[in-house]
All heavy atoms as atom14 arrays in JSON, in Angstrom:
{
  "sequence": "AESISVLEGLEAVRKRPGMYIGSVSTKGLNHLIYEIVDNAVDEHLAG",
  "atom14_mask": [
    [1, 1, 1, 1, 1, 0, 0, 0, 0, 0, 0, 0, 0, 0],
    [1, 1, 1, 1, 1, 1, 1, 1, 1, 0, 0, 0, 0, 0],
    [1, 1, 1, 1, 1, 1, 0, 0, 0, 0, 0, 0, 0, 0],
    [1, 1, 1, 1, 1, 1, 1, 1, 0, 0, 0, 0, 0, 0],
    [1, 1, 1, 1, 1, 1, 0, 0, 0, 0, 0, 0, 0, 0],
    [1, 1, 1, 1, 1, 1, 1, 0, 0, 0, 0, 0, 0, 0],
    [1, 1, 1, 1, 1, 1, 1, 1, 0, 0, 0, 0, 0, 0],
    [1, 1, 1, 1, 1, 1, 1, 1, 1, 0, 0, 0, 0, 0],
    [1, 1, 1, 1, 0, 0, 0, 0, 0, 0, 0, 0, 0, 0],
    [1, 1, 1, 1, 1, 1, 1, 1, 0, 0, 0, 0, 0, 0],
    [1, 1, 1, 1, 1, 1, 1, 1, 1, 0, 0, 0, 0, 0],
    [1, 1, 1, 1, 1, 0, 0, 0, 0, 0, 0, 0, 0, 0],
    [1, 1, 1, 1, 1, 1, 1, 0, 0, 0, 0, 0, 0, 0],
    [1, 1, 1, 1, 1, 1, 1, 1, 1, 1, 1, 0, 0, 0],
    [1, 1, 1, 1, 1, 1, 1, 1, 1, 0, 0, 0, 0, 0],
    [1, 1, 1, 1, 1, 1, 1, 1, 1, 1, 1, 0, 0, 0],
    [1, 1, 1, 1, 1, 1, 1, 0, 0, 0, 0, 0, 0, 0],
    [1, 1, 1, 1, 0, 0, 0, 0, 0, 0, 0, 0, 0, 0],
    [1, 1, 1, 1, 1, 1, 1, 1, 0, 0, 0, 0, 0, 0],
    [1, 1, 1, 1, 1, 1, 1, 1, 1, 1, 1, 1, 0, 0],
    [1, 1, 1, 1, 1, 1, 1, 1, 0, 0, 0, 0, 0, 0],
    [1, 1, 1, 1, 0, 0, 0, 0, 0, 0, 0, 0, 0, 0],
    [1, 1, 1, 1, 1, 1, 0, 0, 0, 0, 0, 0, 0, 0],
    [1, 1, 1, 1, 1, 1, 1, 0, 0, 0, 0, 0, 0, 0],
    [1, 1, 1, 1, 1, 1, 0, 0, 0, 0, 0, 0, 0, 0],
    [1, 1, 1, 1, 1, 1, 1, 0, 0, 0, 0, 0, 0, 0],
    [1, 1, 1, 1, 1, 1, 1, 1, 1, 0, 0, 0, 0, 0],
    [1, 1, 1, 1, 0, 0, 0, 0, 0, 0, 0, 0, 0, 0],
    [1, 1, 1, 1, 1, 1, 1, 1, 0, 0, 0, 0, 0, 0],
    [1, 1, 1, 1, 1, 1, 1, 1, 0, 0, 0, 0, 0, 0],
    [1, 1, 1, 1, 1, 1, 1, 1, 1, 1, 0, 0, 0, 0],
    [1, 1, 1, 1, 1, 1, 1, 1, 0, 0, 0, 0, 0, 0],
    [1, 1, 1, 1, 1, 1, 1, 1, 0, 0, 0, 0, 0, 0],
    [1, 1, 1, 1, 1, 1, 1, 1, 1, 1, 1, 1, 0, 0],
    [1, 1, 1, 1, 1, 1, 1, 1, 1, 0, 0, 0, 0, 0],
    [1, 1, 1, 1, 1, 1, 1, 1, 0, 0, 0, 0, 0, 0],
    [1, 1, 1, 1, 1, 1, 1, 0, 0, 0, 0, 0, 0, 0],
    [1, 1, 1, 1, 1, 1, 1, 1, 0, 0, 0, 0, 0, 0],
    [1, 1, 1, 1, 1, 1, 1, 1, 0, 0, 0, 0, 0, 0],
    [1, 1, 1, 1, 1, 0, 0, 0, 0, 0, 0, 0, 0, 0],
    [1, 1, 1, 1, 1, 1, 1, 0, 0, 0, 0, 0, 0, 0],
    [1, 1, 1, 1, 1, 1, 1, 1, 0, 0, 0, 0, 0, 0],
    [1, 1, 1, 1, 1, 1, 1, 1, 1, 0, 0, 0, 0, 0],
    [1, 1, 1, 1, 1, 1, 1, 1, 1, 1, 0, 0, 0, 0],
    [1, 1, 1, 1, 1, 1, 1, 1, 0, 0, 0, 0, 0, 0],
    [1, 1, 1, 1, 1, 0, 0, 0, 0, 0, 0, 0, 0, 0],
    [1, 1, 1, 1, 0, 0, 0, 0, 0, 0, 0, 0, 0, 0]
  ],
  "atom14_positions": [
    [[31.6, 7.01, 13.86], [32.03, 5.8, 14.54], [31.18, 5.5, 15.77], [30.89, 4.35, 16.09], [33.51, 5.93, 14.94], [0.0, 0.0, 0.0], [0.0, 0.0, 0.0], [0.0, 0.0, 0.0], [0.0, 0.0, 0.0], [0.0, 0.0, 0.0], [0.0, 0.0, 0.0], [0.0, 0.0, 0.0], [0.0, 0.0, 0.0], [0.0, 0.0, 0.0]],
    [[30.74, 6.58, 16.43], [29.94, 6.39, 17.65], [28.55, 5.81, 17.35], [27.84, 5.36, 18.25], [29.81, 7.72, 18.41], [28.96, 8.78, 17.72], [29.69, 9.53, 16.61], [30.9, 9.25, 16.41], [29.07, 10.39, 15.97], [0.0, 0.0, 0.0], [0.0, 0.0, 0.0], [0.0, 0.0, 0.0], [0.0, 0.0, 0.0], [0.0, 0.0, 0.0]],
    [[28.16, 5.83, 16.07], [26.84, 5.3, 15.69], [26.83, 3.79, 15.56], [25.78, 3.17, 15.46], [26.4, 5.92, 14.35], [26.42, 7.32, 14.4], [0.0, 0.0, 0.0], [0.0, 0.0, 0.0], [0.0, 0.0, 0.0], [0.0, 0.0, 0.0], [0.0, 0.0, 0.0], [0.0, 0.0, 0.0], [0.0, 0.0, 0.0], [0.0, 0.0, 0.0]],
    [[27.99, 3.18, 15.53], [28.09, 1.74, 15.33], [27.93, 1.02, 16.66], [28.7, 1.23, 17.6], [29.44, 1.35, 14.69], [29.66, 2.13, 13.39], [29.49, -0.15, 14.45], [28.58, 1.91, 12.35], [0.0, 0.0, 0.0], [0.0, 0.0, 0.0], [0.0, 0.0, 0.0], [0.0, 0.0, 0.0], [0.0, 0.0, 0.0], [0.0, 0.0, 0.0]],
    [[26.87, 0.16, 16.73], [26.62, -0.61, 17.96], [27.28, -1.97, 17.85], [27.23, -2.62, 16.8], [25.12, -0.79, 18.18], [24.49, 0.46, 18.32], [0.0, 0.0, 0.0], [0.0, 0.0, 0.0], [0.0, 0.0, 0.0], [0.0, 0.0, 0.0], [0.0, 0.0, 0.0], [0.0, 0.0, 0.0], [0.0, 0.0, 0.0], [0.0, 0.0, 0.0]],
    [[27.87, -2.42, 18.92], [28.45, -3.76, 18.98], [27.7, -4.54, 20.06], [27.72, -4.16, 21.23], [29.95, -3.72, 19.32], [30.51, -5.14, 19.41], [30.71, -2.92, 18.28], [0.0, 0.0, 0.0], [0.0, 0.0, 0.0], [0.0, 0.0, 0.0], [0.0, 0.0, 0.0], [0.0, 0.0, 0.0], [0.0, 0.0, 0.0], [0.0, 0.0, 0.0]],
    [[26.99, -5.58, 19.65], [26.26, -6.4, 20.6], [27.18, -7.51, 21.1], [27.63, -8.35, 20.32], [25.01, -7.0, 19.94], [24.0, -5.98, 19.42], [22.85, -6.7, 18.75], [23.49, -5.08, 20.53], [0.0, 0.0, 0.0], [0.0, 0.0, 0.0], [0.0, 0.0, 0.0], [0.0, 0.0, 0.0], [0.0, 0.0, 0.0], [0.0, 0.0, 0.0]],
    [[27.48, -7.5, 22.38], [28.41, -8.46, 22.95], [27.7, -9.74, 23.37], [26.56, -9.72, 23.83], [29.11, -7.84, 24.18], [29.92, -6.58, 23.87], [31.21, -6.87, 23.1], [31.55, -8.07, 23.0], [31.83, -5.94, 22.6], [0.0, 0.0, 0.0], [0.0, 0.0, 0.0], [0.0, 0.0, 0.0], [0.0, 0.0, 0.0], [0.0, 0.0, 0.0]],
    [[28.4, -10.88, 23.25], [27.91, -12.16, 23.75], [26.53, -12.5, 23.26], [26.22, -12.41, 22.07], [0.0, 0.0, 0.0], [0.0, 0.0, 0.0], [0.0, 0.0, 0.0], [0.0, 0.0, 0.0], [0.0, 0.0, 0.0], [0.0, 0.0, 0.0], [0.0, 0.0, 0.0], [0.0, 0.0, 0.0], [0.0, 0.0, 0.0], [0.0, 0.0, 0.0]],
    [[25.67, -12.9, 24.2], [24.32, -13.34, 23.86], [23.34, -12.2, 23.7], [22.17, -12.42, 23.41], [23.82, -14.32, 24.93], [24.68, -15.58, 25.13], [24.04, -16.48, 26.16], [24.89, -16.32, 23.83], [0.0, 0.0, 0.0], [0.0, 0.0, 0.0], [0.0, 0.0, 0.0], [0.0, 0.0, 0.0], [0.0, 0.0, 0.0], [0.0, 0.0, 0.0]],
    [[23.8, -10.97, 23.87], [22.94, -9.81, 23.72], [22.35, -9.76, 22.31], [21.2, -9.37, 22.11], [23.75, -8.54, 24.01], [22.91, -7.27, 24.01], [23.77, -6.02, 24.21], [24.97, -6.16, 24.5], [23.23, -4.92, 24.05], [0.0, 0.0, 0.0], [0.0, 0.0, 0.0], [0.0, 0.0, 0.0], [0.0, 0.0, 0.0], [0.0, 0.0, 0.0]],
    [[23.16, -10.16, 21.33], [22.7, -10.15, 19.94], [21.51, -11.08, 19.74], [20.58, -10.78, 19.0], [23.84, -10.56, 19.01], [0.0, 0.0, 0.0], [0.0, 0.0, 0.0], [0.0, 0.0, 0.0], [0.0, 0.0, 0.0], [0.0, 0.0, 0.0], [0.0, 0.0, 0.0], [0.0, 0.0, 0.0], [0.0, 0.0, 0.0], [0.0, 0.0, 0.0]],
    [[21.52, -12.22, 20.43], [20.43, -13.18, 20.31], [19.14, -12.6, 20.89], [18.06, -12.71, 20.3], [20.78, -14.5, 21.03], [19.66, -15.52, 20.84], [22.08, -15.06, 20.49], [0.0, 0.0, 0.0], [0.0, 0.0, 0.0], [0.0, 0.0, 0.0], [0.0, 0.0, 0.0], [0.0, 0.0, 0.0], [0.0, 0.0, 0.0], [0.0, 0.0, 0.0]],
    [[19.24, -11.96, 22.03], [18.07, -11.38, 22.67], [17.53, -10.2, 21.87], [16.33, -9.94, 21.85], [18.39, -10.95, 24.1], [18.7, -12.11, 25.02], [18.99, -11.65, 26.44], [17.87, -10.94, 27.03], [16.8, -11.52, 27.57], [16.71, -12.84, 27.59], [15.82, -10.8, 28.09], [0.0, 0.0, 0.0], [0.0, 0.0, 0.0], [0.0, 0.0, 0.0]],
    [[18.41, -9.51, 21.19], [18.0, -8.35, 20.39], [17.32, -8.78, 19.1], [16.35, -8.17, 18.65], [19.23, -7.5, 20.07], [18.93, -6.14, 19.45], [18.41, -5.16, 20.47], [18.27, -3.76, 19.89], [17.65, -2.83, 20.84], [0.0, 0.0, 0.0], [0.0, 0.0, 0.0], [0.0, 0.0, 0.0], [0.0, 0.0, 0.0], [0.0, 0.0, 0.0]],
    [[17.83, -9.84, 18.46], [17.3, -10.31, 17.18], [17.07, -11.82, 17.22], [17.72, -12.59, 16.51], [18.28, -9.97, 16.04], [18.53, -8.49, 15.83], [17.36, -7.83, 15.09], [17.65, -6.43, 14.77], [17.36, -5.41, 15.54], [16.77, -5.63, 16.72], [17.64, -4.18, 15.17], [0.0, 0.0, 0.0], [0.0, 0.0, 0.0], [0.0, 0.0, 0.0]],
    [[16.14, -12.29, 18.05], [15.94, -13.74, 18.19], [15.54, -14.44, 16.89], [15.88, -15.59, 16.67], [14.84, -13.85, 19.25], [14.16, -12.52, 19.25], [15.22, -11.53, 18.9], [0.0, 0.0, 0.0], [0.0, 0.0, 0.0], [0.0, 0.0, 0.0], [0.0, 0.0, 0.0], [0.0, 0.0, 0.0], [0.0, 0.0, 0.0], [0.0, 0.0, 0.0]],
    [[14.78, -13.73, 16.04], [14.32, -14.34, 14.79], [15.45, -14.8, 13.89], [15.3, -15.73, 13.1], [0.0, 0.0, 0.0], [0.0, 0.0, 0.0], [0.0, 0.0, 0.0], [0.0, 0.0, 0.0], [0.0, 0.0, 0.0], [0.0, 0.0, 0.0], [0.0, 0.0, 0.0], [0.0, 0.0, 0.0], [0.0, 0.0, 0.0], [0.0, 0.0, 0.0]],
    [[16.62, -14.15, 13.99], [17.76, -14.55, 13.17], [18.25, -15.94, 13.54], [18.86, -16.64, 12.74], [18.92, -13.55, 13.35], [18.67, -12.19, 12.73], [20.05, -11.07, 13.07], [21.42, -11.96, 12.32], [0.0, 0.0, 0.0], [0.0, 0.0, 0.0], [0.0, 0.0, 0.0], [0.0, 0.0, 0.0], [0.0, 0.0, 0.0], [0.0, 0.0, 0.0]],
    [[17.98, -16.37, 14.79], [18.53, -17.62, 15.29], [17.52, -18.76, 15.37], [17.88, -19.92, 15.19], [19.15, -17.38, 16.67], [20.31, -16.41, 16.63], [20.11, -15.04, 16.76], [21.61, -16.87, 16.42], [21.17, -14.14, 16.71], [22.68, -15.98, 16.36], [22.45, -14.62, 16.5], [23.51, -13.75, 16.43], [0.0, 0.0, 0.0], [0.0, 0.0, 0.0]],
    [[16.26, -18.42, 15.65], [15.25, -19.49, 15.8], [14.07, -19.3, 14.86], [13.07, -19.99, 14.98], [14.75, -19.59, 17.25], [14.16, -18.26, 17.71], [15.88, -20.06, 18.17], [13.42, -18.36, 19.03], [0.0, 0.0, 0.0], [0.0, 0.0, 0.0], [0.0, 0.0, 0.0], [0.0, 0.0, 0.0], [0.0, 0.0, 0.0], [0.0, 0.0, 0.0]],
    [[14.16, -18.34, 13.94], [13.11, -18.17, 12.94], [12.02, -17.19, 13.32], [11.65, -16.33, 12.53], [0.0, 0.0, 0.0], [0.0, 0.0, 0.0], [0.0, 0.0, 0.0], [0.0, 0.0, 0.0], [0.0, 0.0, 0.0], [0.0, 0.0, 0.0], [0.0, 0.0, 0.0], [0.0, 0.0, 0.0], [0.0, 0.0, 0.0], [0.0, 0.0, 0.0]],
    [[11.49, -17.28, 14.55], [10.42, -16.39, 14.96], [10.27, -16.46, 16.48], [10.86, -17.32, 17.14], [9.09, -16.78, 14.31], [8.59, -17.97, 14.88], [0.0, 0.0, 0.0], [0.0, 0.0, 0.0], [0.0, 0.0, 0.0], [0.0, 0.0, 0.0], [0.0, 0.0, 0.0], [0.0, 0.0, 0.0], [0.0, 0.0, 0.0], [0.0, 0.0, 0.0]],
    [[9.46, -15.54, 17.04], [9.16, -15.58, 18.47], [7.73, -16.07, 18.7], [7.14, -15.86, 19.74], [9.38, -14.21, 19.14], [10.85, -13.87, 19.16], [8.58, -13.12, 18.44], [0.0, 0.0, 0.0], [0.0, 0.0, 0.0], [0.0, 0.0, 0.0], [0.0, 0.0, 0.0], [0.0, 0.0, 0.0], [0.0, 0.0, 0.0], [0.0, 0.0, 0.0]],
    [[7.17, -16.73, 17.69], [5.85, -17.35, 17.81], [6.01, -18.73, 18.44], [7.09, -19.1, 18.91], [5.21, -17.48, 16.42], [5.97, -18.39, 15.64], [0.0, 0.0, 0.0], [0.0, 0.0, 0.0], [0.0, 0.0, 0.0], [0.0, 0.0, 0.0], [0.0, 0.0, 0.0], [0.0, 0.0, 0.0], [0.0, 0.0, 0.0], [0.0, 0.0, 0.0]],
    [[4.94, -19.5, 18.45], [5.0, -20.85, 19.03], [6.03, -21.71, 18.32], [6.69, -22.54, 18.94], [3.6, -21.52, 18.94], [2.66, -20.72, 19.64], [3.63, -22.9, 19.55], [0.0, 0.0, 0.0], [0.0, 0.0, 0.0], [0.0, 0.0, 0.0], [0.0, 0.0, 0.0], [0.0, 0.0, 0.0], [0.0, 0.0, 0.0], [0.0, 0.0, 0.0]],
    [[6.19, -21.5, 17.02], [7.17, -22.28, 16.28], [8.58, -22.04, 16.81], [9.34, -22.98, 17.03], [7.1, -21.92, 14.78], [8.01, -22.77, 13.9], [7.83, -22.41, 12.44], [8.72, -23.27, 11.55], [8.57, -22.93, 10.13], [0.0, 0.0, 0.0], [0.0, 0.0, 0.0], [0.0, 0.0, 0.0], [0.0, 0.0, 0.0], [0.0, 0.0, 0.0]],
    [[8.92, -20.77, 17.05], [10.23, -20.45, 17.61], [10.36, -20.96, 19.04], [11.44, -21.42, 19.45], [0.0, 0.0, 0.0], [0.0, 0.0, 0.0], [0.0, 0.0, 0.0], [0.0, 0.0, 0.0], [0.0, 0.0, 0.0], [0.0, 0.0, 0.0], [0.0, 0.0, 0.0], [0.0, 0.0, 0.0], [0.0, 0.0, 0.0], [0.0, 0.0, 0.0]],
    [[9.28, -20.88, 19.79], [9.28, -21.36, 21.17], [9.6, -22.85, 21.22], [10.49, -23.3, 21.96], [7.92, -21.08, 21.82], [7.75, -21.55, 23.26], [8.55, -20.67, 24.2], [6.28, -21.53, 23.66], [0.0, 0.0, 0.0], [0.0, 0.0, 0.0], [0.0, 0.0, 0.0], [0.0, 0.0, 0.0], [0.0, 0.0, 0.0], [0.0, 0.0, 0.0]],
    [[8.87, -23.64, 20.43], [9.13, -25.09, 20.41], [10.53, -25.4, 19.93], [11.13, -26.4, 20.31], [8.11, -25.78, 19.5], [6.74, -25.87, 20.13], [6.57, -25.67, 21.32], [5.74, -26.16, 19.31], [0.0, 0.0, 0.0], [0.0, 0.0, 0.0], [0.0, 0.0, 0.0], [0.0, 0.0, 0.0], [0.0, 0.0, 0.0], [0.0, 0.0, 0.0]],
    [[11.07, -24.5, 19.07], [12.4, -24.72, 18.53], [13.45, -24.79, 19.64], [14.48, -25.46, 19.5], [12.75, -23.6, 17.55], [13.88, -23.92, 16.63], [13.71, -24.6, 15.45], [15.21, -23.68, 16.73], [14.88, -24.75, 14.87], [15.81, -24.2, 15.63], [0.0, 0.0, 0.0], [0.0, 0.0, 0.0], [0.0, 0.0, 0.0], [0.0, 0.0, 0.0]],
    [[13.21, -24.12, 20.77], [14.15, -24.18, 21.89], [14.31, -25.61, 22.38], [15.42, -26.08, 22.65], [13.65, -23.29, 23.04], [13.47, -21.79, 22.76], [13.03, -21.08, 24.03], [14.73, -21.16, 22.19], [0.0, 0.0, 0.0], [0.0, 0.0, 0.0], [0.0, 0.0, 0.0], [0.0, 0.0, 0.0], [0.0, 0.0, 0.0], [0.0, 0.0, 0.0]],
    [[13.19, -26.33, 22.48], [13.25, -27.74, 22.9], [14.04, -28.56, 21.89], [14.91, -29.36, 22.24], [11.83, -28.32, 23.08], [11.13, -27.67, 24.27], [11.87, -29.84, 23.26], [9.7, -28.13, 24.48], [0.0, 0.0, 0.0], [0.0, 0.0, 0.0], [0.0, 0.0, 0.0], [0.0, 0.0, 0.0], [0.0, 0.0, 0.0], [0.0, 0.0, 0.0]],
    [[13.74, -28.31, 20.61], [14.38, -29.13, 19.57], [15.89, -28.92, 19.55], [16.64, -29.85, 19.24], [13.8, -28.8, 18.19], [12.29, -28.84, 18.12], [11.59, -28.03, 17.22], [11.55, -29.67, 18.95], [10.21, -28.07, 17.16], [10.17, -29.71, 18.9], [9.5, -28.9, 18.01], [8.14, -28.92, 17.95], [0.0, 0.0, 0.0], [0.0, 0.0, 0.0]],
    [[16.35, -27.72, 19.86], [17.79, -27.47, 19.86], [18.5, -28.32, 20.91], [19.55, -28.91, 20.64], [18.07, -25.98, 20.12], [17.93, -25.11, 18.9], [18.79, -25.57, 17.75], [19.93, -26.03, 17.98], [18.32, -25.49, 16.61], [0.0, 0.0, 0.0], [0.0, 0.0, 0.0], [0.0, 0.0, 0.0], [0.0, 0.0, 0.0], [0.0, 0.0, 0.0]],
    [[17.93, -28.38, 22.11], [18.56, -29.19, 23.16], [18.43, -30.68, 22.84], [19.36, -31.47, 23.04], [17.93, -28.88, 24.54], [18.03, -27.37, 24.83], [18.63, -29.67, 25.62], [19.43, -26.82, 24.91], [0.0, 0.0, 0.0], [0.0, 0.0, 0.0], [0.0, 0.0, 0.0], [0.0, 0.0, 0.0], [0.0, 0.0, 0.0], [0.0, 0.0, 0.0]],
    [[17.26, -31.08, 22.29], [17.08, -32.47, 21.88], [18.09, -32.85, 20.79], [18.69, -33.93, 20.82], [15.63, -32.72, 21.39], [15.51, -34.09, 20.72], [14.65, -32.62, 22.54], [0.0, 0.0, 0.0], [0.0, 0.0, 0.0], [0.0, 0.0, 0.0], [0.0, 0.0, 0.0], [0.0, 0.0, 0.0], [0.0, 0.0, 0.0], [0.0, 0.0, 0.0]],
    [[18.28, -31.95, 19.83], [19.22, -32.23, 18.73], [20.64, -32.47, 19.26], [21.38, -33.29, 18.71], [19.23, -31.08, 17.73], [17.97, -31.05, 16.86], [17.27, -32.08, 16.82], [17.7, -30.01, 16.24], [0.0, 0.0, 0.0], [0.0, 0.0, 0.0], [0.0, 0.0, 0.0], [0.0, 0.0, 0.0], [0.0, 0.0, 0.0], [0.0, 0.0, 0.0]],
    [[21.02, -31.76, 20.32], [22.34, -32.0, 20.91], [22.44, -33.42, 21.46], [23.46, -34.09, 21.31], [22.6, -30.99, 22.04], [22.84, -29.59, 21.52], [23.19, -29.4, 20.36], [22.64, -28.61, 22.37], [0.0, 0.0, 0.0], [0.0, 0.0, 0.0], [0.0, 0.0, 0.0], [0.0, 0.0, 0.0], [0.0, 0.0, 0.0], [0.0, 0.0, 0.0]],
    [[21.36, -33.87, 22.09], [21.33, -35.24, 22.63], [21.35, -36.26, 21.49], [22.01, -37.3, 21.58], [20.1, -35.43, 23.51], [0.0, 0.0, 0.0], [0.0, 0.0, 0.0], [0.0, 0.0, 0.0], [0.0, 0.0, 0.0], [0.0, 0.0, 0.0], [0.0, 0.0, 0.0], [0.0, 0.0, 0.0], [0.0, 0.0, 0.0], [0.0, 0.0, 0.0]],
    [[20.62, -35.96, 20.41], [20.61, -36.86, 19.25], [22.0, -36.95, 18.63], [22.44, -38.03, 18.18], [19.58, -36.38, 18.19], [19.7, -37.21, 16.92], [18.17, -36.49, 18.75], [0.0, 0.0, 0.0], [0.0, 0.0, 0.0], [0.0, 0.0, 0.0], [0.0, 0.0, 0.0], [0.0, 0.0, 0.0], [0.0, 0.0, 0.0], [0.0, 0.0, 0.0]],
    [[22.73, -35.83, 18.61], [24.11, -35.87, 18.1], [24.96, -36.83, 18.93], [25.83, -37.54, 18.4], [24.72, -34.47, 18.12], [24.11, -33.56, 17.07], [23.53, -34.09, 16.1], [24.2, -32.33, 17.22], [0.0, 0.0, 0.0], [0.0, 0.0, 0.0], [0.0, 0.0, 0.0], [0.0, 0.0, 0.0], [0.0, 0.0, 0.0], [0.0, 0.0, 0.0]],
    [[24.74, -36.86, 20.24], [25.44, -37.82, 21.1], [25.06, -39.25, 20.71], [25.91, -40.16, 20.71], [25.06, -37.58, 22.56], [25.91, -36.56, 23.28], [27.33, -37.06, 23.5], [27.57, -37.81, 24.46], [28.21, -36.7, 22.68], [0.0, 0.0, 0.0], [0.0, 0.0, 0.0], [0.0, 0.0, 0.0], [0.0, 0.0, 0.0], [0.0, 0.0, 0.0]],
    [[23.78, -39.45, 20.37], [23.33, -40.77, 19.93], [24.02, -41.17, 18.63], [24.49, -42.31, 18.49], [21.81, -40.76, 19.74], [21.28, -41.98, 19.05], [21.2, -43.2, 19.67], [20.83, -42.16, 17.78], [20.71, -44.1, 18.82], [20.48, -43.49, 17.66], [0.0, 0.0, 0.0], [0.0, 0.0, 0.0], [0.0, 0.0, 0.0], [0.0, 0.0, 0.0]],
    [[24.08, -40.23, 17.68], [24.72, -40.52, 16.39], [26.2, -40.84, 16.57], [26.79, -41.59, 15.78], [24.55, -39.33, 15.44], [23.12, -39.03, 14.97], [23.08, -37.76, 14.14], [22.56, -40.2, 14.18], [0.0, 0.0, 0.0], [0.0, 0.0, 0.0], [0.0, 0.0, 0.0], [0.0, 0.0, 0.0], [0.0, 0.0, 0.0], [0.0, 0.0, 0.0]],
    [[26.8, -40.26, 17.61], [28.22, -40.53, 17.89], [28.4, -41.85, 18.63], [29.53, -42.29, 18.84], [28.81, -39.39, 18.71], [0.0, 0.0, 0.0], [0.0, 0.0, 0.0], [0.0, 0.0, 0.0], [0.0, 0.0, 0.0], [0.0, 0.0, 0.0], [0.0, 0.0, 0.0], [0.0, 0.0, 0.0], [0.0, 0.0, 0.0], [0.0, 0.0, 0.0]],
    [[27.26, -42.48, 19.01], [27.33, -43.79, 19.63], [27.35, -43.81, 21.14], [27.7, -44.82, 21.75], [0.0, 0.0, 0.0], [0.0, 0.0, 0.0], [0.0, 0.0, 0.0], [0.0, 0.0, 0.0], [0.0, 0.0, 0.0], [0.0, 0.0, 0.0], [0.0, 0.0, 0.0], [0.0, 0.0, 0.0], [0.0, 0.0, 0.0], [0.0, 0.0, 0.0]]
  ]
}
């Protein structure tokens, strides 16, 4: 049981970023901008 790690909160993202943004290359880097932009676009789609 002691071998099982539990990553709390955003720790999991920092540990395995590729699972969330695809990669840590330039493509993943630019993806950070697109995520925030997409949130704004969702506001646009909602009117």
